[in-house]
Amino acid sequence: HTDAIARYGEDLTAIQACDVMTPGVVSVSEDVLLEEAARKLLESNIHRLLVVGTDGRPLGILSTTDFIREMRGTRWVWYLD
């Protein structure tokens, strides 16, 4: 997607991030199990989760790519109801 942004960069000069952001960020705590995080991704039909610390401060982003990287080379099978 970065190539599309680069192509249309000139058109983005007057648009603020808040004008196009996705509101209602879905988050998980830093100690959540991956099974629960995966369920939240699937139920919310999203590709990224904000990971927050015990104090509520953002620590990072957990993405579907992170799951794939973690599962690569393993025999994990996920059964999500």
Protein backbone atom coordinates (compact mmCIF):
# COMPACT_ATOMS: atom_id res chain seq x y z
CA HIS A 1 0.00 0.00 0.00
CA THR A 2 2.95 2.34 0.45
CA ASP A 3 3.35 2.62 -3.33
CA ALA A 4 -0.24 3.89 -3.58
CA ILE A 5 0.48 6.46 -0.88
CA ALA A 6 3.61 7.58 -2.72
CA ARG A 7 1.67 7.97 -5.99
CA TYR A 8 -1.00 10.13 -4.38
CA GLY A 9 1.26 11.95 -1.93
CA GLU A 10 0.60 15.33 -3.49
CA ASP A 11 -3.14 14.90 -2.93
CA LEU A 12 -2.54 14.22 0.77
CA THR A 13 -0.95 17.56 1.62
CA ALA A 14 -4.11 19.11 3.07
CA ILE A 15 -5.68 16.04 4.68
CA GLN A 16 -5.17 15.37 8.38
CA ALA A 17 -4.85 11.87 9.84
CA CYS A 18 -8.00 12.36 11.94
CA ASP A 19 -9.96 12.92 8.71
CA VAL A 20 -9.30 9.37 7.47
CA MET A 21 -8.46 7.31 10.56
CA THR A 22 -10.48 4.34 11.71
CA PRO A 23 -12.18 5.33 14.97
CA GLY A 24 -12.84 2.95 17.84
CA VAL A 25 -9.48 1.28 18.27
CA VAL A 26 -9.67 -2.34 19.45
CA SER A 27 -7.03 -3.18 22.05
CA VAL A 28 -5.75 -6.04 24.17
CA SER A 29 -3.62 -6.13 27.29
CA GLU A 30 0.02 -7.12 27.03
CA ASP A 31 -0.58 -10.41 28.83
CA VAL A 32 -3.45 -11.64 26.64
CA LEU A 33 -3.04 -15.14 25.20
CA LEU A 34 -2.67 -15.31 21.43
CA GLU A 35 -5.81 -17.45 21.15
CA GLU A 36 -7.90 -14.67 22.70
CA ALA A 37 -6.20 -12.01 20.57
CA ALA A 38 -6.88 -14.06 17.43
CA ARG A 39 -10.53 -14.41 18.43
CA LYS A 40 -10.78 -10.64 18.90
CA LEU A 41 -9.26 -10.03 15.46
CA LEU A 42 -11.70 -12.43 13.82
CA GLU A 43 -14.77 -11.22 15.70
CA SER A 44 -13.94 -7.58 14.95
CA ASN A 45 -13.01 -8.32 11.33
CA ILE A 46 -9.77 -6.35 11.68
CA HIS A 47 -6.09 -7.01 10.95
CA ARG A 48 -4.38 -5.22 13.84
CA LEU A 49 -4.81 -4.83 17.59
CA LEU A 50 -3.36 -2.15 19.82
CA VAL A 51 -1.45 -3.77 22.70
CA VAL A 52 -1.60 -1.76 25.92
CA GLY A 53 0.28 -2.07 29.19
CA THR A 54 -1.24 -2.37 32.64
CA ASP A 55 -1.27 1.42 32.84
CA GLY A 56 -3.24 1.67 29.57
CA ARG A 57 -0.35 3.13 27.60
CA PRO A 58 0.20 1.80 24.06
CA LEU A 59 3.06 -0.70 23.80
CA GLY A 60 2.73 -1.78 20.18
CA ILE A 61 0.61 -3.28 17.44
CA LEU A 62 -0.21 -6.98 17.07
CA SER A 63 -1.01 -7.80 13.44
CA THR A 64 -2.14 -10.83 11.50
CA THR A 65 1.38 -10.85 10.03
CA ASP A 66 2.76 -11.27 13.56
CA PHE A 67 0.57 -14.37 14.00
CA ILE A 68 1.76 -15.83 10.69
CA ARG A 69 5.40 -15.19 11.59
CA GLU A 70 4.91 -16.85 14.99
CA MET A 71 3.16 -19.89 13.51
CA ARG A 72 5.58 -20.41 10.62
CA GLY A 73 7.31 -23.73 10.98
CA THR A 74 4.97 -24.96 13.69
CA ARG A 75 2.02 -27.30 13.61
CA TRP A 76 -0.36 -24.98 15.38
CA VAL A 77 -4.00 -25.58 14.65
CA TRP A 78 -6.50 -23.04 15.86
CA TYR A 79 -10.10 -23.97 16.52
CA LEU A 80 -12.06 -20.81 17.13
CA ASP A 81 -15.78 -21.13 17.70
